[in-house]
Amino acid sequence: MIKAVVFDVGETLIDETRIWSRWAERLGVSHFVLMGALGGMAALDRPHGDAFRLIRPGFDLETEEAAWERDDPRGLRNHFDADDLYPDVREALSAIRAAGHQVIIAGNQPRRAYDALVAMDLPADSVHTSEGWGVSKPEAGFFAKVAAVAGREPAEILYVGDRLDNDVLPAAAAGMRTALLRRGPWGYLHAERQEAQAADVIVDDLHALLPALERLT
């Protein structure tokens, strides 16, 4: 029986459109160019940083982030806030929690994302980031941390994310149940792959999770 539902962050809870749009403006290219480059990286199983280097050879992420912070110290830059939440998040998480499931947020995010997520006052029992834990997906240690903070056996946990490589496959390898969300470029691309059959359920939005939980339990 599934007792805890754990959510990834980017393109699961957070719509990253504004973040990528600001990056395009920072790089001096149209939104279409950067979005197309990101889609290409997703299709080729390459990291999103390769899209930056495709547009600007020699690009160094840490250097650029530091320069951006100096240029725009009060701006959102590559951060997010409550305006970036997908519209189904609050209602779906509330419904899952009301049904008696523990709700946890845990994704590959910098430490500062913790403060942003907590400030949103989401209907979740706890919030965690990879930087705060010192271990990132798809490492097994990340999913061991998930089980530890949930206080559950892996088989009692449903991990929800938009990617096979970072979410579904490593969570399943850790013994968890999994849901693949068809959202964002990785979500749509990965749902078409043969490996997507490894997911216990594939959903188009977060509202579909509660009926799926009833079937899985």
N, C-alpha and C. Protein backbone atom coordinates (compact mmCIF):
# COMPACT_ATOMS: atom_id res chain seq x y z
N MET A 1 0.84 -1.20 0.00
CA MET A 1 0.00 0.00 0.00
C MET A 1 0.87 1.25 0.00
N ILE A 2 0.56 2.18 -0.87
CA ILE A 2 1.36 3.41 -0.95
C ILE A 2 0.93 4.36 0.14
N LYS A 3 1.90 4.79 0.95
CA LYS A 3 1.62 5.67 2.07
C LYS A 3 2.20 7.07 1.89
N ALA A 4 3.18 7.20 0.99
CA ALA A 4 3.81 8.50 0.77
C ALA A 4 3.96 8.75 -0.72
N VAL A 5 3.67 9.98 -1.13
CA VAL A 5 3.85 10.40 -2.51
C VAL A 5 4.90 11.51 -2.52
N VAL A 6 5.95 11.30 -3.30
CA VAL A 6 7.09 12.22 -3.31
C VAL A 6 7.19 12.85 -4.69
N PHE A 7 7.31 14.17 -4.73
CA PHE A 7 7.27 14.91 -5.98
C PHE A 7 8.62 15.53 -6.32
N ASP A 8 9.03 15.33 -7.57
CA ASP A 8 10.11 16.10 -8.16
C ASP A 8 9.67 17.57 -8.22
N VAL A 9 10.58 18.47 -8.61
CA VAL A 9 10.25 19.90 -8.61
C VAL A 9 10.11 20.45 -10.02
N GLY A 10 11.23 20.56 -10.75
CA GLY A 10 11.20 21.17 -12.07
C GLY A 10 10.36 20.40 -13.06
N GLU A 11 9.40 21.09 -13.70
CA GLU A 11 8.47 20.53 -14.67
C GLU A 11 7.58 19.43 -14.09
N THR A 12 7.55 19.33 -12.78
CA THR A 12 6.57 18.51 -12.09
C THR A 12 5.65 19.43 -11.29
N LEU A 13 6.27 20.24 -10.43
CA LEU A 13 5.52 21.27 -9.70
C LEU A 13 5.72 22.65 -10.30
N ILE A 14 6.93 22.90 -10.78
CA ILE A 14 7.32 24.23 -11.25
C ILE A 14 7.39 24.27 -12.78
N ASP A 15 6.66 25.20 -13.36
CA ASP A 15 6.74 25.48 -14.80
C ASP A 15 8.00 26.33 -15.03
N GLU A 16 8.96 25.79 -15.76
CA GLU A 16 10.24 26.46 -15.93
C GLU A 16 10.29 27.41 -17.13
N THR A 17 9.14 27.69 -17.73
CA THR A 17 9.11 28.55 -18.92
C THR A 17 9.74 29.90 -18.66
N ARG A 18 9.40 30.55 -17.56
CA ARG A 18 9.94 31.88 -17.30
C ARG A 18 11.44 31.83 -17.06
N ILE A 19 11.90 30.78 -16.39
CA ILE A 19 13.34 30.64 -16.14
C ILE A 19 14.10 30.54 -17.45
N TRP A 20 13.64 29.65 -18.35
CA TRP A 20 14.34 29.47 -19.61
C TRP A 20 14.22 30.72 -20.49
N SER A 21 13.11 31.43 -20.39
CA SER A 21 12.95 32.66 -21.16
C SER A 21 13.94 33.72 -20.70
N ARG A 22 14.14 33.82 -19.39
CA ARG A 22 15.13 34.78 -18.88
C ARG A 22 16.54 34.37 -19.28
N TRP A 23 16.79 33.06 -19.32
CA TRP A 23 18.11 32.59 -19.78
C TRP A 23 18.33 32.98 -21.24
N ALA A 24 17.31 32.82 -22.07
CA ALA A 24 17.45 33.19 -23.48
C ALA A 24 17.81 34.66 -23.61
N GLU A 25 17.14 35.50 -22.84
CA GLU A 25 17.44 36.93 -22.89
C GLU A 25 18.85 37.21 -22.39
N ARG A 26 19.27 36.48 -21.38
CA ARG A 26 20.63 36.65 -20.86
C ARG A 26 21.67 36.25 -21.91
N LEU A 27 21.37 35.19 -22.64
CA LEU A 27 22.31 34.72 -23.67
C LEU A 27 22.22 35.52 -24.96
N GLY A 28 21.20 36.36 -25.08
CA GLY A 28 21.08 37.21 -26.26
C GLY A 28 20.50 36.50 -27.47
N VAL A 29 19.66 35.48 -27.24
CA VAL A 29 19.02 34.77 -28.35
C VAL A 29 17.51 34.78 -28.11
N SER A 30 16.75 34.43 -29.13
CA SER A 30 15.30 34.38 -28.97
C SER A 30 14.91 33.20 -28.08
N HIS A 31 13.72 33.30 -27.49
CA HIS A 31 13.21 32.20 -26.68
C HIS A 31 13.13 30.92 -27.51
N PHE A 32 12.74 31.07 -28.77
CA PHE A 32 12.59 29.91 -29.66
C PHE A 32 13.92 29.17 -29.83
N VAL A 33 15.01 29.93 -29.98
CA VAL A 33 16.32 29.30 -30.18
C VAL A 33 16.71 28.47 -28.97
N LEU A 34 16.59 29.05 -27.77
CA LEU A 34 17.00 28.29 -26.59
C LEU A 34 16.07 27.11 -26.34
N MET A 35 14.77 27.31 -26.51
CA MET A 35 13.84 26.20 -26.29
C MET A 35 14.10 25.07 -27.28
N GLY A 36 14.42 25.43 -28.53
CA GLY A 36 14.74 24.41 -29.52
C GLY A 36 16.00 23.65 -29.16
N ALA A 37 17.01 24.38 -28.68
CA ALA A 37 18.27 23.74 -28.29
C ALA A 37 18.04 22.82 -27.09
N LEU A 38 17.23 23.25 -26.14
CA LEU A 38 16.93 22.41 -24.98
C LEU A 38 16.19 21.15 -25.40
N GLY A 39 15.24 21.30 -26.32
CA GLY A 39 14.52 20.13 -26.81
C GLY A 39 15.45 19.14 -27.49
N GLY A 40 16.42 19.67 -28.23
CA GLY A 40 17.40 18.79 -28.88
C GLY A 40 18.23 18.03 -27.86
N MET A 41 18.64 18.72 -26.79
CA MET A 41 19.42 18.05 -25.75
C MET A 41 18.59 16.96 -25.07
N ALA A 42 17.32 17.27 -24.83
CA ALA A 42 16.44 16.28 -24.21
C ALA A 42 16.32 15.04 -25.09
N ALA A 43 16.15 15.26 -26.40
CA ALA A 43 15.98 14.14 -27.32
C ALA A 43 17.24 13.30 -27.43
N LEU A 44 18.40 13.95 -27.25
CA LEU A 44 19.69 13.26 -27.38
C LEU A 44 20.23 12.76 -26.05
N ASP A 45 19.46 12.91 -24.99
CA ASP A 45 19.90 12.51 -23.64
C ASP A 45 21.17 13.23 -23.21
N ARG A 46 21.26 14.48 -23.59
CA ARG A 46 22.39 15.31 -23.17
C ARG A 46 21.92 16.31 -22.12
N PRO A 47 22.81 16.73 -21.22
CA PRO A 47 22.41 17.67 -20.17
C PRO A 47 22.03 19.03 -20.73
N HIS A 48 21.17 19.74 -20.01
CA HIS A 48 20.70 21.03 -20.52
C HIS A 48 21.83 22.04 -20.66
N GLY A 49 22.91 21.85 -19.89
CA GLY A 49 24.06 22.75 -20.02
C GLY A 49 24.67 22.73 -21.41
N ASP A 50 24.50 21.62 -22.12
CA ASP A 50 25.02 21.54 -23.48
C ASP A 50 24.30 22.50 -24.42
N ALA A 51 23.05 22.84 -24.09
CA ALA A 51 22.32 23.82 -24.90
C ALA A 51 22.98 25.19 -24.78
N PHE A 52 23.41 25.54 -23.57
CA PHE A 52 24.11 26.80 -23.38
C PHE A 52 25.41 26.83 -24.17
N ARG A 53 26.15 25.72 -24.10
CA ARG A 53 27.45 25.68 -24.79
C ARG A 53 27.29 25.63 -26.29
N LEU A 54 26.16 25.09 -26.77
CA LEU A 54 25.88 25.11 -28.20
C LEU A 54 25.69 26.55 -28.67
N ILE A 55 25.00 27.34 -27.89
CA ILE A 55 24.74 28.74 -28.25
C ILE A 55 25.96 29.61 -27.99
N ARG A 56 26.64 29.36 -26.89
CA ARG A 56 27.81 30.16 -26.53
C ARG A 56 28.96 29.23 -26.19
N PRO A 57 29.79 28.86 -27.16
CA PRO A 57 30.93 27.97 -26.91
C PRO A 57 31.80 28.49 -25.77
N GLY A 58 32.22 27.57 -24.91
CA GLY A 58 33.04 27.95 -23.77
C GLY A 58 32.23 28.44 -22.57
N PHE A 59 30.92 28.37 -22.67
CA PHE A 59 30.04 28.84 -21.59
C PHE A 59 30.36 28.11 -20.30
N ASP A 60 30.46 28.88 -19.20
CA ASP A 60 30.68 28.31 -17.87
C ASP A 60 29.52 28.73 -16.98
N LEU A 61 28.74 27.77 -16.50
CA LEU A 61 27.51 28.07 -15.79
C LEU A 61 27.76 28.86 -14.51
N GLU A 62 28.71 28.42 -13.70
CA GLU A 62 28.94 29.10 -12.42
C GLU A 62 29.39 30.54 -12.63
N THR A 63 30.26 30.76 -13.60
CA THR A 63 30.73 32.11 -13.88
C THR A 63 29.59 33.00 -14.34
N GLU A 64 28.74 32.46 -15.22
CA GLU A 64 27.63 33.25 -15.75
C GLU A 64 26.60 33.55 -14.66
N GLU A 65 26.31 32.57 -13.80
CA GLU A 65 25.36 32.80 -12.72
C GLU A 65 25.86 33.89 -11.77
N ALA A 66 27.16 33.87 -11.47
CA ALA A 66 27.73 34.88 -10.59
C ALA A 66 27.65 36.27 -11.22
N ALA A 67 27.95 36.34 -12.52
CA ALA A 67 27.87 37.62 -13.23
C ALA A 67 26.43 38.13 -13.28
N TRP A 68 25.50 37.22 -13.50
CA TRP A 68 24.08 37.57 -13.57
C TRP A 68 23.60 38.11 -12.23
N GLU A 69 24.06 37.50 -11.14
CA GLU A 69 23.67 37.97 -9.81
C GLU A 69 24.21 39.37 -9.55
N ARG A 70 25.43 39.65 -10.01
CA ARG A 70 25.98 41.00 -9.85
C ARG A 70 25.19 42.02 -10.68
N ASP A 71 24.80 41.61 -11.87
CA ASP A 71 24.08 42.52 -12.77
C ASP A 71 22.64 42.78 -12.32
N ASP A 72 22.02 41.78 -11.70
CA ASP A 72 20.59 41.86 -11.36
C ASP A 72 20.35 41.24 -9.99
N PRO A 73 20.89 41.86 -8.93
CA PRO A 73 20.85 41.22 -7.60
C PRO A 73 19.45 41.03 -7.05
N ARG A 74 18.48 41.82 -7.47
CA ARG A 74 17.13 41.73 -6.93
C ARG A 74 16.17 40.96 -7.85
N GLY A 75 16.63 40.55 -9.01
CA GLY A 75 15.77 39.86 -9.95
C GLY A 75 15.66 38.37 -9.67
N LEU A 76 14.71 37.73 -10.31
CA LEU A 76 14.55 36.28 -10.14
C LEU A 76 15.65 35.50 -10.84
N ARG A 77 16.15 36.03 -11.95
CA ARG A 77 17.21 35.38 -12.72
C ARG A 77 16.82 33.92 -13.02
N ASN A 78 17.60 32.97 -12.50
CA ASN A 78 17.29 31.55 -12.75
C ASN A 78 16.57 30.92 -11.55
N HIS A 79 15.87 31.76 -10.79
CA HIS A 79 15.09 31.27 -9.66
C HIS A 79 13.61 31.15 -10.06
N PHE A 80 12.81 30.68 -9.13
CA PHE A 80 11.36 30.62 -9.35
C PHE A 80 10.64 31.11 -8.11
N ASP A 81 9.35 31.42 -8.29
CA ASP A 81 8.51 31.78 -7.15
C ASP A 81 7.12 31.19 -7.35
N ALA A 82 6.17 31.59 -6.53
CA ALA A 82 4.84 30.98 -6.57
C ALA A 82 4.14 31.17 -7.91
N ASP A 83 4.50 32.22 -8.65
CA ASP A 83 3.88 32.44 -9.96
C ASP A 83 4.26 31.37 -10.97
N ASP A 84 5.28 30.57 -10.66
CA ASP A 84 5.73 29.52 -11.58
C ASP A 84 5.11 28.15 -11.27
N LEU A 85 4.30 28.07 -10.25
CA LEU A 85 3.64 26.79 -9.95
C LEU A 85 2.67 26.42 -11.07
N TYR A 86 2.68 25.15 -11.44
CA TYR A 86 1.64 24.69 -12.37
C TYR A 86 0.29 24.81 -11.67
N PRO A 87 -0.78 25.12 -12.42
CA PRO A 87 -2.08 25.40 -11.79
C PRO A 87 -2.72 24.24 -11.06
N ASP A 88 -2.29 23.01 -11.33
CA ASP A 88 -2.91 21.87 -10.66
C ASP A 88 -2.24 21.48 -9.34
N VAL A 89 -1.14 22.15 -8.99
CA VAL A 89 -0.31 21.69 -7.87
C VAL A 89 -1.04 21.73 -6.53
N ARG A 90 -1.52 22.88 -6.14
CA ARG A 90 -2.10 23.01 -4.80
C ARG A 90 -3.30 22.08 -4.61
N GLU A 91 -4.19 22.08 -5.57
CA GLU A 91 -5.40 21.27 -5.44
C GLU A 91 -5.08 19.78 -5.42
N ALA A 92 -4.18 19.36 -6.31
CA ALA A 92 -3.84 17.93 -6.38
C ALA A 92 -3.11 17.46 -5.14
N LEU A 93 -2.15 18.23 -4.66
CA LEU A 93 -1.42 17.84 -3.45
C LEU A 93 -2.35 17.83 -2.24
N SER A 94 -3.26 18.79 -2.18
CA SER A 94 -4.23 18.82 -1.08
C SER A 94 -5.11 17.58 -1.08
N ALA A 95 -5.56 17.17 -2.27
CA ALA A 95 -6.43 16.01 -2.39
C ALA A 95 -5.70 14.73 -1.99
N ILE A 96 -4.45 14.62 -2.41
CA ILE A 96 -3.66 13.43 -2.06
C ILE A 96 -3.43 13.36 -0.55
N ARG A 97 -3.15 14.51 0.02
CA ARG A 97 -2.94 14.55 1.47
C ARG A 97 -4.23 14.25 2.23
N ALA A 98 -5.34 14.80 1.74
CA ALA A 98 -6.63 14.57 2.39
C ALA A 98 -7.03 13.10 2.34
N ALA A 99 -6.53 12.40 1.32
CA ALA A 99 -6.83 10.97 1.19
C ALA A 99 -5.99 10.12 2.13
N GLY A 100 -5.12 10.77 2.92
CA GLY A 100 -4.35 10.05 3.92
C GLY A 100 -2.93 9.73 3.54
N HIS A 101 -2.47 10.26 2.41
CA HIS A 101 -1.09 10.00 1.98
C HIS A 101 -0.16 11.10 2.47
N GLN A 102 1.02 10.71 2.86
CA GLN A 102 2.08 11.67 3.18
C GLN A 102 2.53 12.32 1.88
N VAL A 103 2.75 13.63 1.87
CA VAL A 103 3.18 14.35 0.68
C VAL A 103 4.55 14.99 0.95
N ILE A 104 5.51 14.66 0.10
CA ILE A 104 6.88 15.15 0.27
C ILE A 104 7.37 15.72 -1.06
N ILE A 105 8.13 16.79 -0.99
CA ILE A 105 8.74 17.39 -2.17
C ILE A 105 10.24 17.17 -2.07
N ALA A 106 10.84 16.55 -3.08
CA ALA A 106 12.28 16.28 -3.07
C ALA A 106 12.79 16.20 -4.50
N GLY A 107 13.64 17.15 -4.88
CA GLY A 107 14.15 17.15 -6.25
C GLY A 107 15.56 17.67 -6.34
N ASN A 108 16.12 17.61 -7.52
CA ASN A 108 17.44 18.15 -7.78
C ASN A 108 17.35 19.67 -7.89
N GLN A 109 17.61 20.33 -6.80
CA GLN A 109 17.50 21.77 -6.74
C GLN A 109 18.59 22.34 -5.84
N PRO A 110 18.99 23.59 -6.10
CA PRO A 110 19.94 24.23 -5.19
C PRO A 110 19.28 24.54 -3.86
N ARG A 111 20.10 24.82 -2.87
CA ARG A 111 19.59 25.06 -1.52
C ARG A 111 18.59 26.21 -1.49
N ARG A 112 18.82 27.25 -2.31
CA ARG A 112 17.93 28.42 -2.28
C ARG A 112 16.51 28.07 -2.72
N ALA A 113 16.35 26.97 -3.50
CA ALA A 113 15.01 26.55 -3.91
C ALA A 113 14.18 26.11 -2.71
N TYR A 114 14.85 25.64 -1.67
CA TYR A 114 14.12 25.23 -0.46
C TYR A 114 13.31 26.41 0.09
N ASP A 115 13.97 27.56 0.21
CA ASP A 115 13.28 28.74 0.76
C ASP A 115 12.11 29.15 -0.13
N ALA A 116 12.29 29.08 -1.45
CA ALA A 116 11.22 29.45 -2.38
C ALA A 116 10.03 28.52 -2.23
N LEU A 117 10.30 27.24 -2.12
CA LEU A 117 9.22 26.26 -2.00
C LEU A 117 8.50 26.37 -0.65
N VAL A 118 9.25 26.57 0.41
CA VAL A 118 8.64 26.71 1.73
C VAL A 118 7.77 27.96 1.78
N ALA A 119 8.23 29.04 1.14
CA ALA A 119 7.47 30.29 1.13
C ALA A 119 6.12 30.14 0.44
N MET A 120 5.98 29.16 -0.44
CA MET A 120 4.72 28.94 -1.14
C MET A 120 3.65 28.31 -0.26
N ASP A 121 4.07 27.80 0.90
CA ASP A 121 3.14 27.17 1.84
C ASP A 121 2.29 26.10 1.15
N LEU A 122 2.98 25.19 0.48
CA LEU A 122 2.29 24.12 -0.23
C LEU A 122 1.77 23.06 0.75
N PRO A 123 0.74 22.32 0.37
CA PRO A 123 0.22 21.26 1.23
C PRO A 123 1.13 20.03 1.20
N ALA A 124 2.29 20.16 1.83
CA ALA A 124 3.29 19.09 1.85
C ALA A 124 3.81 18.92 3.26
N ASP A 125 4.19 17.70 3.60
CA ASP A 125 4.70 17.42 4.94
C ASP A 125 6.14 17.85 5.11
N SER A 126 6.91 17.84 4.03
CA SER A 126 8.30 18.31 4.11
C SER A 126 8.83 18.62 2.72
N VAL A 127 9.88 19.44 2.68
CA VAL A 127 10.51 19.86 1.44
C VAL A 127 12.01 19.61 1.55
N HIS A 128 12.60 19.07 0.48
CA HIS A 128 14.02 18.73 0.50
C HIS A 128 14.65 19.02 -0.87
N THR A 129 15.92 19.39 -0.85
CA THR A 129 16.65 19.63 -2.10
C THR A 129 17.92 18.78 -2.13
N SER A 130 18.37 18.51 -3.33
CA SER A 130 19.59 17.71 -3.48
C SER A 130 20.80 18.39 -2.86
N GLU A 131 20.90 19.72 -3.01
CA GLU A 131 22.05 20.41 -2.43
C GLU A 131 22.00 20.35 -0.91
N GLY A 132 20.81 20.45 -0.36
CA GLY A 132 20.68 20.34 1.09
C GLY A 132 21.08 18.96 1.59
N TRP A 133 20.81 17.94 0.80
CA TRP A 133 21.17 16.58 1.17
C TRP A 133 22.61 16.22 0.82
N GLY A 134 23.18 16.92 -0.13
CA GLY A 134 24.53 16.59 -0.58
C GLY A 134 24.59 15.39 -1.50
N VAL A 135 23.45 15.05 -2.11
CA VAL A 135 23.40 13.94 -3.07
C VAL A 135 22.27 14.22 -4.06
N SER A 136 22.52 13.89 -5.32
CA SER A 136 21.57 14.23 -6.39
C SER A 136 21.05 12.99 -7.10
N LYS A 137 19.87 13.12 -7.71
CA LYS A 137 19.38 12.10 -8.63
C LYS A 137 20.28 12.06 -9.85
N PRO A 138 20.52 10.91 -10.41
CA PRO A 138 19.86 9.61 -10.15
C PRO A 138 20.59 8.72 -9.16
N GLU A 139 21.47 9.28 -8.33
CA GLU A 139 22.24 8.45 -7.40
C GLU A 139 21.31 7.73 -6.42
N ALA A 140 21.70 6.51 -6.09
CA ALA A 140 20.88 5.70 -5.17
C ALA A 140 20.75 6.37 -3.81
N GLY A 141 21.79 7.10 -3.42
CA GLY A 141 21.77 7.78 -2.12
C GLY A 141 20.65 8.79 -2.00
N PHE A 142 20.26 9.40 -3.12
CA PHE A 142 19.16 10.36 -3.08
C PHE A 142 17.86 9.66 -2.68
N PHE A 143 17.62 8.52 -3.28
CA PHE A 143 16.38 7.79 -3.01
C PHE A 143 16.40 7.13 -1.64
N ALA A 144 17.60 6.82 -1.14
CA ALA A 144 17.71 6.35 0.24
C ALA A 144 17.31 7.47 1.20
N LYS A 145 17.68 8.71 0.86
CA LYS A 145 17.28 9.87 1.67
C LYS A 145 15.76 10.05 1.63
N VAL A 146 15.18 9.86 0.45
CA VAL A 146 13.72 9.97 0.31
C VAL A 146 13.03 9.00 1.26
N ALA A 147 13.46 7.76 1.25
CA ALA A 147 12.84 6.75 2.12
C ALA A 147 13.05 7.10 3.59
N ALA A 148 14.23 7.63 3.90
CA ALA A 148 14.53 7.96 5.30
C ALA A 148 13.65 9.09 5.81
N VAL A 149 13.49 10.16 5.02
CA VAL A 149 12.67 11.28 5.51
C VAL A 149 11.19 10.91 5.53
N ALA A 150 10.79 10.00 4.64
CA ALA A 150 9.40 9.54 4.65
C ALA A 150 9.14 8.61 5.82
N GLY A 151 10.18 7.92 6.27
CA GLY A 151 10.01 6.93 7.32
C GLY A 151 9.21 5.74 6.85
N ARG A 152 9.35 5.43 5.54
CA ARG A 152 8.57 4.34 4.92
C ARG A 152 9.50 3.34 4.24
N GLU A 153 8.98 2.17 4.01
CA GLU A 153 9.67 1.22 3.15
C GLU A 153 9.57 1.73 1.71
N PRO A 154 10.57 1.49 0.87
CA PRO A 154 10.52 1.98 -0.51
C PRO A 154 9.24 1.59 -1.25
N ALA A 155 8.75 0.38 -1.03
CA ALA A 155 7.55 -0.09 -1.73
C ALA A 155 6.29 0.68 -1.33
N GLU A 156 6.37 1.45 -0.24
CA GLU A 156 5.24 2.24 0.22
C GLU A 156 5.27 3.66 -0.33
N ILE A 157 6.24 3.95 -1.20
CA ILE A 157 6.46 5.30 -1.71
C ILE A 157 6.20 5.34 -3.21
N LEU A 158 5.47 6.35 -3.65
CA LEU A 158 5.31 6.63 -5.08
C LEU A 158 6.13 7.88 -5.39
N TYR A 159 7.11 7.74 -6.28
CA TYR A 159 7.90 8.91 -6.69
C TYR A 159 7.37 9.41 -8.03
N VAL A 160 7.09 10.72 -8.09
CA VAL A 160 6.47 11.34 -9.26
C VAL A 160 7.47 12.30 -9.91
N GLY A 161 7.73 12.10 -11.19
CA GLY A 161 8.65 12.99 -11.90
C GLY A 161 8.41 12.97 -13.39
N ASP A 162 9.12 13.86 -14.09
CA ASP A 162 8.91 14.02 -15.53
C ASP A 162 9.97 13.34 -16.38
N ARG A 163 10.90 12.62 -15.74
CA ARG A 163 12.00 12.02 -16.50
C ARG A 163 12.17 10.55 -16.15
N LEU A 164 12.59 9.77 -17.16
CA LEU A 164 12.94 8.38 -16.91
C LEU A 164 14.29 8.27 -16.22
N ASP A 165 15.29 8.99 -16.73
CA ASP A 165 16.65 8.82 -16.25
C ASP A 165 16.86 9.31 -14.82
N ASN A 166 16.23 10.39 -14.45
CA ASN A 166 16.43 10.96 -13.12
C ASN A 166 15.37 10.54 -12.11
N ASP A 167 14.22 10.11 -12.59
CA ASP A 167 13.09 9.87 -11.69
C ASP A 167 12.63 8.42 -11.70
N VAL A 168 12.02 8.00 -12.80
CA VAL A 168 11.36 6.70 -12.84
C VAL A 168 12.33 5.54 -12.65
N LEU A 169 13.35 5.50 -13.46
CA LEU A 169 14.24 4.32 -13.43
C LEU A 169 15.02 4.19 -12.13
N PRO A 170 15.66 5.26 -11.63
CA PRO A 170 16.38 5.10 -10.36
C PRO A 170 15.46 4.91 -9.17
N ALA A 171 14.27 5.51 -9.18
CA ALA A 171 13.33 5.29 -8.08
C ALA A 171 12.86 3.84 -8.07
N ALA A 172 12.57 3.30 -9.27
CA ALA A 172 12.16 1.90 -9.36
C ALA A 172 13.28 0.97 -8.90
N ALA A 173 14.52 1.32 -9.26
CA ALA A 173 15.67 0.50 -8.84
C ALA A 173 15.82 0.51 -7.32
N ALA A 174 15.35 1.59 -6.70
CA ALA A 174 15.41 1.69 -5.24
C ALA A 174 14.24 0.98 -4.57
N GLY A 175 13.34 0.40 -5.38
CA GLY A 175 12.22 -0.36 -4.84
C GLY A 175 10.93 0.43 -4.69
N MET A 176 10.91 1.66 -5.22
CA MET A 176 9.73 2.51 -5.10
C MET A 176 8.78 2.29 -6.27
N ARG A 177 7.53 2.66 -6.09
CA ARG A 177 6.59 2.74 -7.19
C ARG A 177 6.82 4.09 -7.89
N THR A 178 6.43 4.19 -9.16
CA THR A 178 6.77 5.41 -9.89
C THR A 178 5.62 5.89 -10.78
N ALA A 179 5.59 7.20 -10.96
CA ALA A 179 4.65 7.83 -11.89
C ALA A 179 5.43 8.76 -12.80
N LEU A 180 5.25 8.60 -14.10
CA LEU A 180 5.88 9.47 -15.08
C LEU A 180 4.87 10.50 -15.52
N LEU A 181 5.23 11.76 -15.37
CA LEU A 181 4.35 12.87 -15.71
C LEU A 181 4.69 13.40 -17.10
N ARG A 182 3.70 13.39 -17.99
CA ARG A 182 3.90 13.92 -19.34
C ARG A 182 3.79 15.45 -19.30
N ARG A 183 4.89 16.07 -18.87
CA ARG A 183 4.91 17.52 -18.72
C ARG A 183 6.34 17.99 -18.96
N GLY A 184 6.49 19.10 -19.69
CA GLY A 184 7.82 19.57 -20.02
C GLY A 184 8.41 18.73 -21.13
N PRO A 185 9.51 19.21 -21.74
CA PRO A 185 10.07 18.49 -22.90
C PRO A 185 10.52 17.07 -22.58
N TRP A 186 11.14 16.87 -21.43
CA TRP A 186 11.59 15.52 -21.09
C TRP A 186 10.38 14.61 -20.86
N GLY A 187 9.37 15.11 -20.20
CA GLY A 187 8.20 14.29 -19.90
C GLY A 187 7.52 13.76 -21.14
N TYR A 188 7.30 14.62 -22.13
CA TYR A 188 6.65 14.18 -23.36
C TYR A 188 7.53 13.21 -24.14
N LEU A 189 8.82 13.53 -24.24
CA LEU A 189 9.73 12.66 -24.98
C LEU A 189 9.87 11.30 -24.31
N HIS A 190 10.06 11.30 -23.00
CA HIS A 190 10.32 10.05 -22.30
C HIS A 190 9.09 9.14 -22.25
N ALA A 191 7.91 9.74 -22.24
CA ALA A 191 6.69 8.92 -22.21
C ALA A 191 6.52 8.08 -23.47
N GLU A 192 7.19 8.47 -24.56
CA GLU A 192 7.10 7.75 -25.82
C GLU A 192 8.10 6.60 -25.91
N ARG A 193 9.01 6.52 -24.97
CA ARG A 193 10.07 5.52 -25.06
C ARG A 193 9.61 4.18 -24.47
N GLN A 194 10.25 3.13 -24.95
CA GLN A 194 9.93 1.79 -24.48
C GLN A 194 10.13 1.66 -22.98
N GLU A 195 11.15 2.35 -22.46
CA GLU A 195 11.46 2.26 -21.03
C GLU A 195 10.36 2.84 -20.15
N ALA A 196 9.47 3.64 -20.75
CA ALA A 196 8.39 4.23 -19.96
C ALA A 196 7.48 3.17 -19.37
N GLN A 197 7.52 1.97 -19.93
CA GLN A 197 6.71 0.88 -19.39
C GLN A 197 7.16 0.48 -17.99
N ALA A 198 8.36 0.94 -17.60
CA ALA A 198 8.84 0.65 -16.25
C ALA A 198 8.05 1.43 -15.20
N ALA A 199 7.41 2.53 -15.61
CA ALA A 199 6.61 3.31 -14.67
C ALA A 199 5.34 2.56 -14.30
N ASP A 200 4.93 2.69 -13.06
CA ASP A 200 3.67 2.06 -12.64
C ASP A 200 2.49 2.75 -13.28
N VAL A 201 2.64 4.06 -13.54
CA VAL A 201 1.56 4.82 -14.16
C VAL A 201 2.16 6.00 -14.91
N ILE A 202 1.54 6.36 -16.03
CA ILE A 202 1.90 7.55 -16.78
C ILE A 202 0.70 8.48 -16.75
N VAL A 203 0.91 9.73 -16.33
CA VAL A 203 -0.21 10.65 -16.17
C VAL A 203 0.05 11.95 -16.94
N ASP A 204 -1.05 12.61 -17.31
CA ASP A 204 -0.95 13.87 -18.04
C ASP A 204 -0.96 15.09 -17.12
N ASP A 205 -1.43 14.91 -15.90
CA ASP A 205 -1.43 16.01 -14.93
C ASP A 205 -1.48 15.42 -13.53
N LEU A 206 -1.34 16.28 -12.53
CA LEU A 206 -1.28 15.80 -11.16
C LEU A 206 -2.64 15.36 -10.63
N HIS A 207 -3.71 15.85 -11.23
CA HIS A 207 -5.04 15.42 -10.80
C HIS A 207 -5.26 13.93 -11.04
N ALA A 208 -4.55 13.38 -12.02
CA ALA A 208 -4.72 11.96 -12.35
C ALA A 208 -4.05 11.03 -11.33
N LEU A 209 -3.28 11.59 -10.41
CA LEU A 209 -2.54 10.75 -9.48
C LEU A 209 -3.44 10.08 -8.45
N LEU A 210 -4.42 10.80 -7.93
CA LEU A 210 -5.24 10.22 -6.87
C LEU A 210 -6.01 9.00 -7.37
N PRO A 211 -6.68 9.05 -8.52
CA PRO A 211 -7.31 7.81 -9.03
C PRO A 211 -6.29 6.70 -9.27
N ALA A 212 -5.09 7.07 -9.72
CA ALA A 212 -4.05 6.07 -9.93
C ALA A 212 -3.61 5.44 -8.62
N LEU A 213 -3.53 6.24 -7.57
CA LEU A 213 -3.16 5.71 -6.25
C LEU A 213 -4.17 4.69 -5.78
N GLU A 214 -5.43 4.95 -6.04
CA GLU A 214 -6.47 4.00 -5.62
C GLU A 214 -6.32 2.67 -6.34
N ARG A 215 -5.88 2.74 -7.61
CA ARG A 215 -5.66 1.49 -8.35
C ARG A 215 -4.40 0.78 -7.88
N LEU A 216 -3.37 1.55 -7.56
CA LEU A 216 -2.10 0.95 -7.17
C LEU A 216 -2.17 0.31 -5.80
N THR A 217 -3.08 0.79 -4.94
CA THR A 217 -3.17 0.23 -3.59
C THR A 217 -4.28 -0.79 -3.48
